[in-house]
Amino acid sequence: MTGKLQHLGSTISIIIPVRDEPQTARAVATVLTQDCLDVVAEILVVGSGIPALPEDARVVRVETNSACLPGANRNRGIERAKGRNLIFLDADCCPRPGWLCALADALESVPVVSGAVALGADGYAATAYNLTTFSLFREGLPKGTRPFLPTLTLGVRREVIDAVGLLDETLARCEDMDWTMRMVAGGFSLAFEPRAVVEHRPTTSLRLALSKWWESGQVSAGVRRRHRRGAGGSSALARCHPLVFGLLSPVLACGATIRVFWSPDSWRHFHTLPLVYATKVAWCLGAARPLGGICQ
């Protein structure tokens, strides 16, 4: 444990939501190899279809209904957690050395912080999915703030959750965008900590990647409208009529793809450009048919 964290004691609860994810045991095992583990009170593995886990007194299984979405499983973890600080990790993520120390250290000075995502993954579709989904949070970017943060590697102080509430369990996707944008509306800044890197290895395919991005377009365009008056919600995306996304999808997708590959860090994955572009088109087509309830 570093000197700066010595005074904390076991004040962090790590929450790993699960929904039939076979890589869960690897995620837990990697957490147990991290430095600064003395600051962790518990590792809550919450969900359904939880496989056999490494034996450790800090590892706690919390079984939920198989119908529970990731947001609901995260909420059940929040309700069970003992720590004053919470760290969320997705079950298909493998933290690199230093991940835990970097997030724990950051939470001493900022209320909400996301780690970085390594873009490379196992296979063409998985790598393209990481590029198109996490370009704002990719490994190698400098520290800074963001308009929203993903929950696949996220640290949050308990006082923030007390102020803004739990995740919206009605959202099948983008519940983390909605949640962290609510934090911004509540006056909390969202920090990005590039030292806390995870390797995200999603199980996906060309069809599944396109399907997820179509669904994300449906939900996230509405989430942006919900937060149109807050930080990140005042962008052109929040003001566009849904039909604009459909009519201009080739042009909008082209601009979004250029932004993904604008950094030299992304060039080594240039072979994924066709699928990245296709996911951006799928997002636009999904945004053209937003879910009615989320757009109010």
Protein backbone atom coordinates (compact mmCIF):
# COMPACT_ATOMS: atom_id res chain seq x y z
CA MET A 1 0.00 0.00 0.00
CA THR A 2 1.33 3.43 -0.90
CA GLY A 3 1.96 5.97 1.82
CA LYS A 4 -0.77 8.24 0.52
CA LEU A 5 -3.35 5.46 0.90
CA GLN A 6 -2.06 4.11 4.21
CA HIS A 7 -4.65 6.03 6.27
CA LEU A 8 -7.67 4.74 4.35
CA GLY A 9 -8.05 1.28 5.81
CA SER A 10 -10.51 -1.04 4.05
CA THR A 11 -12.84 1.63 2.67
CA ILE A 12 -13.47 0.51 -0.93
CA SER A 13 -16.08 -1.90 -2.22
CA ILE A 14 -15.49 -3.28 -5.72
CA ILE A 15 -18.68 -4.19 -7.58
CA ILE A 16 -18.62 -6.55 -10.57
CA PRO A 17 -22.01 -7.00 -12.31
CA VAL A 18 -22.49 -10.36 -14.03
CA ARG A 19 -24.97 -11.77 -16.51
CA ASP A 20 -23.75 -15.19 -17.66
CA GLU A 21 -20.21 -13.91 -18.21
CA PRO A 22 -17.65 -16.77 -18.34
CA GLN A 23 -14.71 -14.37 -17.86
CA THR A 24 -15.87 -13.32 -14.39
CA ALA A 25 -13.41 -15.52 -12.48
CA ARG A 26 -10.51 -14.04 -14.43
CA ALA A 27 -11.63 -10.51 -13.58
CA VAL A 28 -11.85 -11.35 -9.86
CA ALA A 29 -8.51 -13.16 -9.89
CA THR A 30 -6.82 -10.16 -11.51
CA VAL A 31 -8.28 -7.80 -8.91
CA LEU A 32 -6.84 -10.03 -6.19
CA THR A 33 -3.33 -9.56 -7.65
CA GLN A 34 -3.50 -5.75 -7.48
CA ASP A 35 -1.32 -3.65 -5.21
CA CYS A 36 -3.16 -1.55 -2.58
CA LEU A 37 -5.54 -4.46 -1.96
CA ASP A 38 -5.61 -3.53 1.74
CA VAL A 39 -7.95 -0.63 0.93
CA VAL A 40 -10.58 -3.11 -0.38
CA ALA A 41 -13.24 -4.20 2.09
CA GLU A 42 -15.02 -6.55 -0.32
CA ILE A 43 -15.40 -7.63 -3.92
CA LEU A 44 -19.11 -8.00 -4.65
CA VAL A 45 -19.88 -10.20 -7.66
CA VAL A 46 -23.52 -9.42 -8.39
CA GLY A 47 -25.82 -11.06 -10.93
CA SER A 48 -26.89 -14.33 -12.48
CA GLY A 49 -24.93 -17.17 -14.03
CA ILE A 50 -21.95 -16.47 -11.77
CA PRO A 51 -19.24 -19.11 -12.33
CA ALA A 52 -16.94 -20.55 -9.67
CA LEU A 53 -14.88 -17.75 -8.16
CA PRO A 54 -11.41 -17.59 -6.56
CA GLU A 55 -11.58 -18.33 -2.85
CA ASP A 56 -10.90 -15.22 -0.81
CA ALA A 57 -12.64 -13.81 2.25
CA ARG A 58 -13.25 -10.54 0.43
CA VAL A 59 -15.10 -12.14 -2.50
CA VAL A 60 -18.89 -12.15 -1.99
CA ARG A 61 -21.45 -13.69 -4.36
CA VAL A 62 -24.75 -11.81 -4.65
CA GLU A 63 -27.21 -13.79 -6.76
CA THR A 64 -29.96 -11.91 -8.60
CA ASN A 65 -32.73 -12.77 -11.01
CA SER A 66 -31.56 -13.68 -14.53
CA ALA A 67 -33.81 -10.94 -15.92
CA CYS A 68 -31.83 -8.23 -14.11
CA LEU A 69 -29.99 -5.86 -16.44
CA PRO A 70 -26.46 -4.62 -15.63
CA GLY A 71 -27.81 -1.38 -14.13
CA ALA A 72 -30.00 -3.33 -11.71
CA ASN A 73 -27.09 -5.57 -10.71
CA ARG A 74 -24.92 -2.52 -10.06
CA ASN A 75 -27.69 -1.08 -7.91
CA ARG A 76 -27.96 -4.29 -5.88
CA GLY A 77 -24.20 -4.06 -5.35
CA ILE A 78 -24.46 -0.45 -4.22
CA GLU A 79 -27.15 -1.41 -1.72
CA ARG A 80 -24.98 -4.22 -0.28
CA ALA A 81 -21.66 -2.38 -0.32
CA LYS A 82 -19.97 -1.39 2.94
CA GLY A 83 -17.30 0.93 1.51
CA ARG A 84 -17.46 4.72 1.51
CA ASN A 85 -15.91 4.59 -1.96
CA LEU A 86 -17.13 2.25 -4.70
CA ILE A 87 -15.27 0.95 -7.74
CA PHE A 88 -17.16 -0.70 -10.60
CA LEU A 89 -15.52 -3.20 -12.93
CA ASP A 90 -17.17 -5.14 -15.74
CA ALA A 91 -16.83 -8.91 -15.66
CA ASP A 92 -15.22 -9.01 -19.12
CA CYS A 93 -12.45 -6.60 -18.08
CA CYS A 94 -8.95 -7.48 -16.93
CA PRO A 95 -7.30 -4.67 -14.90
CA ARG A 96 -3.62 -4.04 -15.55
CA PRO A 97 -1.16 -3.65 -12.66
CA GLY A 98 -1.63 -0.32 -10.91
CA TRP A 99 -5.33 -0.04 -11.78
CA LEU A 100 -6.62 -0.23 -8.21
CA CYS A 101 -3.98 2.09 -6.74
CA ALA A 102 -4.63 4.69 -9.45
CA LEU A 103 -8.41 4.75 -8.90
CA ALA A 104 -8.12 4.69 -5.10
CA ASP A 105 -5.59 7.52 -5.23
CA ALA A 106 -7.79 9.56 -7.59
CA LEU A 107 -10.86 9.16 -5.34
CA GLU A 108 -8.98 11.01 -2.61
CA SER A 109 -9.09 14.19 -4.71
CA VAL A 110 -12.05 13.81 -7.10
CA PRO A 111 -15.60 12.52 -6.49
CA VAL A 112 -15.99 10.49 -9.70
CA VAL A 113 -13.26 9.01 -11.88
CA SER A 114 -13.01 6.64 -14.82
CA GLY A 115 -10.04 4.57 -15.84
CA ALA A 116 -8.74 3.99 -19.36
CA VAL A 117 -9.53 1.19 -21.82
CA ALA A 118 -6.90 -0.62 -23.88
CA LEU A 119 -8.24 -0.72 -27.43
CA GLY A 120 -6.80 -4.04 -28.53
CA ALA A 121 -8.95 -7.12 -27.92
CA ASP A 122 -9.32 -10.72 -29.05
CA GLY A 123 -10.58 -10.60 -32.61
CA TYR A 124 -11.64 -8.08 -35.23
CA ALA A 125 -15.16 -7.40 -33.96
CA ALA A 126 -14.08 -6.99 -30.32
CA THR A 127 -11.29 -4.55 -31.22
CA ALA A 128 -13.65 -2.52 -33.43
CA TYR A 129 -16.19 -2.46 -30.60
CA ASN A 130 -13.60 -1.04 -28.20
CA LEU A 131 -12.55 1.65 -30.67
CA THR A 132 -16.05 2.78 -31.50
CA THR A 133 -17.31 2.65 -27.91
CA PHE A 134 -14.40 3.91 -25.80
CA SER A 135 -12.51 6.39 -27.99
CA LEU A 136 -13.00 9.10 -25.34
CA PHE A 137 -11.47 6.83 -22.71
CA ARG A 138 -8.75 5.03 -24.63
CA GLU A 139 -5.36 4.25 -23.17
CA GLY A 140 -2.80 6.98 -23.79
CA LEU A 141 -5.08 10.01 -23.47
CA PRO A 142 -4.07 12.65 -20.90
CA LYS A 143 -5.91 13.37 -17.67
CA GLY A 144 -8.96 15.55 -17.97
CA THR A 145 -12.71 15.76 -17.50
CA ARG A 146 -15.45 14.14 -19.55
CA PRO A 147 -19.16 14.89 -20.18
CA PHE A 148 -20.02 11.32 -19.11
CA LEU A 149 -18.17 8.18 -18.01
CA PRO A 150 -18.53 4.42 -18.56
CA THR A 151 -19.06 2.05 -15.65
CA LEU A 152 -16.77 -0.71 -16.92
CA THR A 153 -14.00 0.93 -14.82
CA LEU A 154 -15.38 3.65 -12.57
CA GLY A 155 -14.75 4.99 -9.08
CA VAL A 156 -17.48 6.88 -7.20
CA ARG A 157 -17.65 8.30 -3.70
CA ARG A 158 -20.68 7.23 -1.69
CA GLU A 159 -21.75 10.85 -1.16
CA VAL A 160 -22.21 11.26 -4.92
CA ILE A 161 -24.64 8.35 -5.08
CA ASP A 162 -26.47 9.67 -2.01
CA ALA A 163 -26.94 12.95 -3.88
CA VAL A 164 -28.01 11.69 -7.34
CA GLY A 165 -29.54 8.29 -6.59
CA LEU A 166 -29.07 4.88 -8.18
CA LEU A 167 -28.82 3.94 -11.84
CA ASP A 168 -32.00 4.00 -13.94
CA GLU A 169 -32.99 0.32 -14.13
CA THR A 170 -35.42 0.96 -16.98
CA LEU A 171 -32.55 1.61 -19.41
CA ALA A 172 -31.29 -1.48 -21.23
CA ARG A 173 -28.22 0.44 -22.44
CA CYS A 174 -26.46 3.76 -21.73
CA GLU A 175 -27.54 3.70 -18.08
CA ASP A 176 -23.99 4.74 -17.17
CA MET A 177 -24.19 7.77 -19.49
CA ASP A 178 -27.46 8.83 -17.86
CA TRP A 179 -26.12 8.22 -14.34
CA THR A 180 -22.88 10.16 -14.76
CA MET A 181 -24.62 13.01 -16.59
CA ARG A 182 -26.93 13.24 -13.58
CA MET A 183 -23.79 13.57 -11.47
CA VAL A 184 -22.66 16.51 -13.61
CA ALA A 185 -26.09 18.10 -13.22
CA GLY A 186 -25.66 17.64 -9.46
CA GLY A 187 -22.43 19.65 -9.49
CA PHE A 188 -19.87 16.81 -9.52
CA SER A 189 -17.02 16.84 -12.04
CA LEU A 190 -16.13 13.67 -13.95
CA ALA A 191 -12.42 12.88 -14.07
CA PHE A 192 -10.45 10.61 -16.40
CA GLU A 193 -7.44 8.79 -14.89
CA PRO A 194 -5.24 7.28 -17.65
CA ARG A 195 -3.09 5.26 -15.20
CA ALA A 196 -6.00 2.96 -14.33
CA VAL A 197 -6.07 0.76 -17.43
CA VAL A 198 -8.31 -2.22 -18.10
CA GLU A 199 -8.22 -4.64 -21.01
CA HIS A 200 -11.78 -5.04 -22.24
CA ARG A 201 -12.41 -8.35 -24.00
CA PRO A 202 -16.06 -8.39 -25.01
CA THR A 203 -17.65 -11.46 -26.52
CA THR A 204 -19.07 -10.05 -29.74
CA SER A 205 -19.51 -10.53 -33.47
CA LEU A 206 -20.21 -8.32 -36.48
CA ARG A 207 -23.95 -8.78 -36.06
CA LEU A 208 -23.90 -8.28 -32.30
CA ALA A 209 -21.72 -5.15 -32.52
CA LEU A 210 -24.11 -3.57 -35.04
CA SER A 211 -27.14 -4.59 -32.96
CA LYS A 212 -25.66 -3.05 -29.79
CA TRP A 213 -24.90 0.20 -31.55
CA TRP A 214 -28.37 0.40 -33.06
CA GLU A 215 -29.81 -0.05 -29.56
CA SER A 216 -27.35 2.51 -28.17
CA GLY A 217 -28.51 5.02 -30.77
CA GLN A 218 -32.11 4.50 -29.70
CA VAL A 219 -31.33 5.06 -26.03
CA SER A 220 -28.39 7.48 -25.92
CA ALA A 221 -29.94 10.07 -28.24
CA GLY A 222 -32.86 10.19 -25.82
CA VAL A 223 -30.55 10.34 -22.81
CA ARG A 224 -28.81 13.36 -24.33
CA ARG A 225 -32.18 15.05 -24.80
CA ARG A 226 -33.06 14.28 -21.19
CA HIS A 227 -29.89 16.13 -20.17
CA ARG A 228 -29.96 18.79 -22.92
CA ARG A 229 -29.58 21.56 -20.34
CA GLY A 230 -26.61 19.99 -18.59
CA ALA A 231 -22.97 19.55 -19.50
CA GLY A 232 -22.66 17.30 -22.50
CA GLY A 233 -26.37 17.58 -23.23
CA SER A 234 -26.17 20.95 -24.96
CA SER A 235 -24.39 19.53 -28.00
CA ALA A 236 -25.88 19.44 -31.49
CA LEU A 237 -26.72 15.77 -30.90
CA ALA A 238 -29.14 16.74 -28.16
CA ARG A 239 -30.88 19.32 -30.32
CA CYS A 240 -31.25 17.29 -33.53
CA HIS A 241 -34.64 16.00 -34.58
CA PRO A 242 -34.56 12.16 -34.73
CA LEU A 243 -35.19 12.14 -38.50
CA VAL A 244 -31.96 14.09 -39.05
CA PHE A 245 -29.97 11.10 -37.82
CA GLY A 246 -31.60 8.84 -40.39
CA LEU A 247 -31.33 11.22 -43.33
CA LEU A 248 -27.74 12.25 -42.63
CA SER A 249 -26.50 8.94 -41.21
CA PRO A 250 -23.73 8.42 -43.85
CA VAL A 251 -22.31 11.91 -43.26
CA LEU A 252 -22.66 11.86 -39.47
CA ALA A 253 -21.11 8.39 -39.31
CA CYS A 254 -18.20 9.54 -41.45
CA GLY A 255 -17.46 12.42 -39.10
CA ALA A 256 -17.69 10.18 -36.03
CA THR A 257 -15.36 7.61 -37.61
CA ILE A 258 -12.79 10.28 -38.46
CA ARG A 259 -12.81 11.38 -34.82
CA VAL A 260 -12.16 7.80 -33.69
CA PHE A 261 -9.11 7.45 -35.93
CA TRP A 262 -7.87 11.02 -35.57
CA SER A 263 -5.30 10.00 -32.95
CA PRO A 264 -2.17 8.08 -33.97
CA ASP A 265 -2.95 5.71 -31.07
CA SER A 266 -5.83 4.36 -33.16
CA TRP A 267 -3.97 3.96 -36.45
CA ARG A 268 -2.60 0.53 -35.61
CA HIS A 269 -6.21 -0.66 -35.56
CA PHE A 270 -7.03 0.99 -38.90
CA HIS A 271 -8.11 -2.36 -40.34
CA THR A 272 -11.26 -2.13 -38.19
CA LEU A 273 -12.42 1.08 -39.93
CA PRO A 274 -15.18 -0.60 -42.01
CA LEU A 275 -16.88 -2.03 -38.93
CA VAL A 276 -16.35 1.14 -36.88
CA TYR A 277 -18.04 3.12 -39.66
CA ALA A 278 -20.87 0.57 -39.84
CA THR A 279 -21.48 0.89 -36.07
CA LYS A 280 -21.72 4.66 -36.40
CA VAL A 281 -24.30 4.29 -39.18
CA ALA A 282 -26.19 1.81 -36.97
CA TRP A 283 -26.14 4.35 -34.12
CA CYS A 284 -27.59 7.04 -36.36
CA LEU A 285 -30.34 4.75 -37.61
CA GLY A 286 -31.15 3.80 -34.03
CA ALA A 287 -31.22 7.48 -33.01
CA ALA A 288 -33.75 8.07 -35.80
CA ARG A 289 -36.14 5.77 -33.92
CA PRO A 290 -35.62 6.76 -30.26
CA LEU A 291 -37.50 5.08 -27.45
CA GLY A 292 -40.52 7.20 -26.65
CA GLY A 293 -40.18 7.29 -22.87
CA ILE A 294 -36.55 8.38 -22.76
CA CYS A 295 -37.09 11.40 -25.00
CA GLN A 296 -39.46 13.24 -22.69
